[in-house]
Amino acid sequence: MTGSKTNSMTLEEMRAARARGESKTERARLRREQAAGIEPAPDEDSPDATPAMRELIRN
């Protein structure tokens, strides 16, 4: 089956990790870093992106 992923965690383990704040979602990490004022690391897929460009995209 194309596009399927296997998971090595049980449902209970995933729920416990999420409750501890250990979510593996990229979006959650980015929101936490933005709230903490952490500047994103340079994007290797878009090395020419400047802070001004990122600010424009963010708004």
PDB file of N, CA and C in Angstrom:
ATOM      1  N   MET A   1       0.851  -1.178   0.000  1.00  0.00           N
ATOM      2  CA  MET A   1       0.000   0.000   0.000  1.00  0.00           C
ATOM      3  C   MET A   1       0.895   1.238   0.000  1.00  0.00           C
ATOM      4  N   THR A   2       0.767   2.071  -0.977  1.00  0.00           N
ATOM      5  CA  THR A   2       1.595   3.276  -1.073  1.00  0.00           C
ATOM      6  C   THR A   2       1.153   4.339  -0.085  1.00  0.00           C
ATOM      7  N   GLY A   3       2.130   5.045   0.464  1.00  0.00           N
ATOM      8  CA  GLY A   3       1.827   6.144   1.359  1.00  0.00           C
ATOM      9  C   GLY A   3       1.502   5.741   2.779  1.00  0.00           C
ATOM     10  N   SER A   4       1.510   4.462   3.078  1.00  0.00           N
ATOM     11  CA  SER A   4       1.183   4.065   4.448  1.00  0.00           C
ATOM     12  C   SER A   4       2.435   4.098   5.312  1.00  0.00           C
ATOM     13  N   LYS A   5       2.244   4.347   6.580  1.00  0.00           N
ATOM     14  CA  LYS A   5       3.352   4.399   7.530  1.00  0.00           C
ATOM     15  C   LYS A   5       3.095   3.383   8.634  1.00  0.00           C
ATOM     16  N   THR A   6       4.149   2.813   9.132  1.00  0.00           N
ATOM     17  CA  THR A   6       4.000   1.947  10.294  1.00  0.00           C
ATOM     18  C   THR A   6       4.367   2.754  11.521  1.00  0.00           C
ATOM     19  N   ASN A   7       3.796   2.391  12.633  1.00  0.00           N
ATOM     20  CA  ASN A   7       4.049   3.116  13.864  1.00  0.00           C
ATOM     21  C   ASN A   7       4.547   2.128  14.903  1.00  0.00           C
ATOM     22  N   SER A   8       5.589   2.486  15.617  1.00  0.00           N
ATOM     23  CA  SER A   8       6.154   1.582  16.610  1.00  0.00           C
ATOM     24  C   SER A   8       5.596   1.840  18.006  1.00  0.00           C
ATOM     25  N   MET A   9       4.661   2.746  18.121  1.00  0.00           N
ATOM     26  CA  MET A   9       4.068   3.059  19.425  1.00  0.00           C
ATOM     27  C   MET A   9       2.630   2.566  19.466  1.00  0.00           C
ATOM     28  N   THR A  10       2.206   2.134  20.639  1.00  0.00           N
ATOM     29  CA  THR A  10       0.803   1.766  20.805  1.00  0.00           C
ATOM     30  C   THR A  10      -0.007   3.050  20.977  1.00  0.00           C
ATOM     31  N   LEU A  11      -1.307   2.925  20.857  1.00  0.00           N
ATOM     32  CA  LEU A  11      -2.182   4.072  21.023  1.00  0.00           C
ATOM     33  C   LEU A  11      -2.002   4.686  22.414  1.00  0.00           C
ATOM     34  N   GLU A  12      -1.888   3.846  23.422  1.00  0.00           N
ATOM     35  CA  GLU A  12      -1.706   4.336  24.793  1.00  0.00           C
ATOM     36  C   GLU A  12      -0.385   5.094  24.933  1.00  0.00           C
ATOM     37  N   GLU A  13       0.675   4.585  24.297  1.00  0.00           N
ATOM     38  CA  GLU A  13       1.972   5.268  24.347  1.00  0.00           C
ATOM     39  C   GLU A  13       1.915   6.622  23.641  1.00  0.00           C
ATOM     40  N   MET A  14       1.201   6.668  22.519  1.00  0.00           N
ATOM     41  CA  MET A  14       1.071   7.935  21.791  1.00  0.00           C
ATOM     42  C   MET A  14       0.302   8.960  22.616  1.00  0.00           C
ATOM     43  N   ARG A  15      -0.775   8.520  23.253  1.00  0.00           N
ATOM     44  CA  ARG A  15      -1.553   9.440  24.087  1.00  0.00           C
ATOM     45  C   ARG A  15      -0.737   9.937  25.270  1.00  0.00           C
ATOM     46  N   ALA A  16       0.041   9.053  25.893  1.00  0.00           N
ATOM     47  CA  ALA A  16       0.874   9.448  27.025  1.00  0.00           C
ATOM     48  C   ALA A  16       1.944  10.445  26.580  1.00  0.00           C
ATOM     49  N   ALA A  17       2.564  10.206  25.427  1.00  0.00           N
ATOM     50  CA  ALA A  17       3.587  11.120  24.914  1.00  0.00           C
ATOM     51  C   ALA A  17       2.983  12.483  24.616  1.00  0.00           C
ATOM     52  N   ARG A  18       1.786  12.493  24.024  1.00  0.00           N
ATOM     53  CA  ARG A  18       1.121  13.764  23.725  1.00  0.00           C
ATOM     54  C   ARG A  18       0.783  14.511  25.013  1.00  0.00           C
ATOM     55  N   ALA A  19       0.342  13.781  26.035  1.00  0.00           N
ATOM     56  CA  ALA A  19       0.011  14.407  27.322  1.00  0.00           C
ATOM     57  C   ALA A  19       1.248  15.016  27.972  1.00  0.00           C
ATOM     58  N   ARG A  20       2.419  14.425  27.723  1.00  0.00           N
ATOM     59  CA  ARG A  20       3.682  14.954  28.253  1.00  0.00           C
ATOM     60  C   ARG A  20       4.235  16.085  27.387  1.00  0.00           C
ATOM     61  N   GLY A  21       3.557  16.404  26.293  1.00  0.00           N
ATOM     62  CA  GLY A  21       4.029  17.473  25.411  1.00  0.00           C
ATOM     63  C   GLY A  21       5.072  17.004  24.427  1.00  0.00           C
ATOM     64  N   GLU A  22       5.105  15.719  24.151  1.00  0.00           N
ATOM     65  CA  GLU A  22       6.103  15.155  23.245  1.00  0.00           C
ATOM     66  C   GLU A  22       5.516  14.851  21.878  1.00  0.00           C
ATOM     67  N   SER A  23       4.618  15.694  21.416  1.00  0.00           N
ATOM     68  CA  SER A  23       4.012  15.494  20.112  1.00  0.00           C
ATOM     69  C   SER A  23       5.082  15.549  19.033  1.00  0.00           C
ATOM     70  N   LYS A  24       4.966  14.716  18.040  1.00  0.00           N
ATOM     71  CA  LYS A  24       5.948  14.669  16.962  1.00  0.00           C
ATOM     72  C   LYS A  24       5.564  15.556  15.781  1.00  0.00           C
ATOM     73  N   THR A  25       4.503  16.322  15.920  1.00  0.00           N
ATOM     74  CA  THR A  25       4.085  17.138  14.786  1.00  0.00           C
ATOM     75  C   THR A  25       4.984  18.359  14.644  1.00  0.00           C
ATOM     76  N   GLU A  26       5.378  18.616  13.450  1.00  0.00           N
ATOM     77  CA  GLU A  26       6.239  19.759  13.142  1.00  0.00           C
ATOM     78  C   GLU A  26       5.532  21.073  13.472  1.00  0.00           C
ATOM     79  N   ARG A  27       4.242  21.140  13.188  1.00  0.00           N
ATOM     80  CA  ARG A  27       3.481  22.360  13.407  1.00  0.00           C
ATOM     81  C   ARG A  27       3.469  22.745  14.884  1.00  0.00           C
ATOM     82  N   ALA A  28       3.298  21.764  15.756  1.00  0.00           N
ATOM     83  CA  ALA A  28       3.278  22.042  17.193  1.00  0.00           C
ATOM     84  C   ALA A  28       4.625  22.595  17.653  1.00  0.00           C
ATOM     85  N   ARG A  29       5.711  22.010  17.152  1.00  0.00           N
ATOM     86  CA  ARG A  29       7.051  22.487  17.523  1.00  0.00           C
ATOM     87  C   ARG A  29       7.263  23.907  17.037  1.00  0.00           C
ATOM     88  N   LEU A  30       6.856  24.186  15.808  1.00  0.00           N
ATOM     89  CA  LEU A  30       7.028  25.535  15.271  1.00  0.00           C
ATOM     90  C   LEU A  30       6.238  26.568  16.065  1.00  0.00           C
ATOM     91  N   ARG A  31       5.026  26.213  16.470  1.00  0.00           N
ATOM     92  CA  ARG A  31       4.229  27.149  17.271  1.00  0.00           C
ATOM     93  C   ARG A  31       4.882  27.414  18.623  1.00  0.00           C
ATOM     94  N   ARG A  32       5.409  26.367  19.261  1.00  0.00           N
ATOM     95  CA  ARG A  32       6.085  26.554  20.553  1.00  0.00           C
ATOM     96  C   ARG A  32       7.303  27.463  20.393  1.00  0.00           C
ATOM     97  N   GLU A  33       8.091  27.228  19.349  1.00  0.00           N
ATOM     98  CA  GLU A  33       9.280  28.044  19.128  1.00  0.00           C
ATOM     99  C   GLU A  33       8.908  29.486  18.809  1.00  0.00           C
ATOM    100  N   GLN A  34       7.869  29.681  18.022  1.00  0.00           N
ATOM    101  CA  GLN A  34       7.444  31.043  17.696  1.00  0.00           C
ATOM    102  C   GLN A  34       6.990  31.766  18.960  1.00  0.00           C
ATOM    103  N   ALA A  35       6.224  31.084  19.816  1.00  0.00           N
ATOM    104  CA  ALA A  35       5.753  31.692  21.060  1.00  0.00           C
ATOM    105  C   ALA A  35       6.926  32.041  21.978  1.00  0.00           C
ATOM    106  N   ALA A  36       7.993  31.255  21.904  1.00  0.00           N
ATOM    107  CA  ALA A  36       9.169  31.505  22.733  1.00  0.00           C
ATOM    108  C   ALA A  36      10.113  32.522  22.097  1.00  0.00           C
ATOM    109  N   GLY A  37       9.791  32.987  20.884  1.00  0.00           N
ATOM    110  CA  GLY A  37      10.630  33.979  20.216  1.00  0.00           C
ATOM    111  C   GLY A  37      11.865  33.392  19.557  1.00  0.00           C
ATOM    112  N   ILE A  38      11.847  32.087  19.294  1.00  0.00           N
ATOM    113  CA  ILE A  38      12.997  31.424  18.667  1.00  0.00           C
ATOM    114  C   ILE A  38      12.895  31.577  17.157  1.00  0.00           C
ATOM    115  N   GLU A  39      13.943  32.094  16.554  1.00  0.00           N
ATOM    116  CA  GLU A  39      13.994  32.281  15.105  1.00  0.00           C
ATOM    117  C   GLU A  39      14.145  30.911  14.441  1.00  0.00           C
ATOM    118  N   PRO A  40      13.372  30.629  13.393  1.00  0.00           N
ATOM    119  CA  PRO A  40      13.490  29.331  12.715  1.00  0.00           C
ATOM    120  C   PRO A  40      14.876  29.140  12.117  1.00  0.00           C
ATOM    121  N   ALA A  41      15.303  27.900  12.097  1.00  0.00           N
ATOM    122  CA  ALA A  41      16.589  27.570  11.483  1.00  0.00           C
ATOM    123  C   ALA A  41      16.494  27.819   9.979  1.00  0.00           C
ATOM    124  N   PRO A  42      17.616  28.091   9.342  1.00  0.00           N
ATOM    125  CA  PRO A  42      17.580  28.263   7.890  1.00  0.00           C
ATOM    126  C   PRO A  42      16.991  27.023   7.226  1.00  0.00           C
ATOM    127  N   ASP A  43      16.142  27.236   6.255  1.00  0.00           N
ATOM    128  CA  ASP A  43      15.491  26.142   5.543  1.00  0.00           C
ATOM    129  C   ASP A  43      16.401  25.685   4.418  1.00  0.00           C
ATOM    130  N   GLU A  44      16.872  24.443   4.496  1.00  0.00           N
ATOM    131  CA  GLU A  44      17.790  23.970   3.465  1.00  0.00           C
ATOM    132  C   GLU A  44      17.112  23.840   2.104  1.00  0.00           C
ATOM    133  N   ASP A  45      15.763  23.768   2.088  1.00  0.00           N
ATOM    134  CA  ASP A  45      15.051  23.729   0.816  1.00  0.00           C
ATOM    135  C   ASP A  45      14.889  25.119   0.208  1.00  0.00           C
ATOM    136  N   SER A  46      15.015  26.167   1.044  1.00  0.00           N
ATOM    137  CA  SER A  46      14.893  27.556   0.581  1.00  0.00           C
ATOM    138  C   SER A  46      16.018  28.382   1.200  1.00  0.00           C
ATOM    139  N   PRO A  47      17.245  28.126   0.812  1.00  0.00           N
ATOM    140  CA  PRO A  47      18.374  28.813   1.454  1.00  0.00           C
ATOM    141  C   PRO A  47      18.393  30.316   1.217  1.00  0.00           C
ATOM    142  N   ASP A  48      17.682  30.809   0.202  1.00  0.00           N
ATOM    143  CA  ASP A  48      17.676  32.235  -0.091  1.00  0.00           C
ATOM    144  C   ASP A  48      16.628  33.005   0.702  1.00  0.00           C
ATOM    145  N   ALA A  49      15.843  32.310   1.513  1.00  0.00           N
ATOM    146  CA  ALA A  49      14.805  32.985   2.299  1.00  0.00           C
ATOM    147  C   ALA A  49      15.460  33.882   3.349  1.00  0.00           C
ATOM    148  N   THR A  50      15.114  35.129   3.329  1.00  0.00           N
ATOM    149  CA  THR A  50      15.660  36.086   4.280  1.00  0.00           C
ATOM    150  C   THR A  50      14.688  36.264   5.439  1.00  0.00           C
ATOM    151  N   PRO A  51      15.139  36.830   6.557  1.00  0.00           N
ATOM    152  CA  PRO A  51      14.210  37.102   7.654  1.00  0.00           C
ATOM    153  C   PRO A  51      13.021  37.954   7.207  1.00  0.00           C
ATOM    154  N   ALA A  52      13.247  38.909   6.292  1.00  0.00           N
ATOM    155  CA  ALA A  52      12.142  39.749   5.807  1.00  0.00           C
ATOM    156  C   ALA A  52      11.125  38.918   5.036  1.00  0.00           C
ATOM    157  N   MET A  53      11.612  37.964   4.242  1.00  0.00           N
ATOM    158  CA  MET A  53      10.709  37.091   3.509  1.00  0.00           C
ATOM    159  C   MET A  53       9.902  36.218   4.456  1.00  0.00           C
ATOM    160  N   ARG A  54      10.567  35.693   5.491  1.00  0.00           N
ATOM    161  CA  ARG A  54       9.868  34.857   6.462  1.00  0.00           C
ATOM    162  C   ARG A  54       8.797  35.664   7.209  1.00  0.00           C
ATOM    163  N   GLU A  55       9.109  36.900   7.511  1.00  0.00           N
ATOM    164  CA  GLU A  55       8.134  37.759   8.201  1.00  0.00           C
ATOM    165  C   GLU A  55       6.914  37.995   7.319  1.00  0.00           C
ATOM    166  N   LEU A  56       7.141  38.233   6.045  1.00  0.00           N
ATOM    167  CA  LEU A  56       6.037  38.436   5.095  1.00  0.00           C
ATOM    168  C   LEU A  56       5.176  37.185   5.025  1.00  0.00           C
ATOM    169  N   ILE A  57       5.781  36.018   4.965  1.00  0.00           N
ATOM    170  CA  ILE A  57       5.049  34.757   4.897  1.00  0.00           C
ATOM    171  C   ILE A  57       4.272  34.512   6.183  1.00  0.00           C
ATOM    172  N   ARG A  58       4.873  34.856   7.312  1.00  0.00           N
ATOM    173  CA  ARG A  58       4.269  34.621   8.619  1.00  0.00           C
ATOM    174  C   ARG A  58       2.966  35.393   8.781  1.00  0.00           C
ATOM    175  N   ASN A  59       2.872  36.581   8.168  1.00  0.00           N
ATOM    176  CA  ASN A  59       1.670  37.428   8.328  1.00  0.00           C
ATOM    177  C   ASN A  59       0.631  37.154   7.326  1.00  0.00           C
TER     178      ASN A  59
END
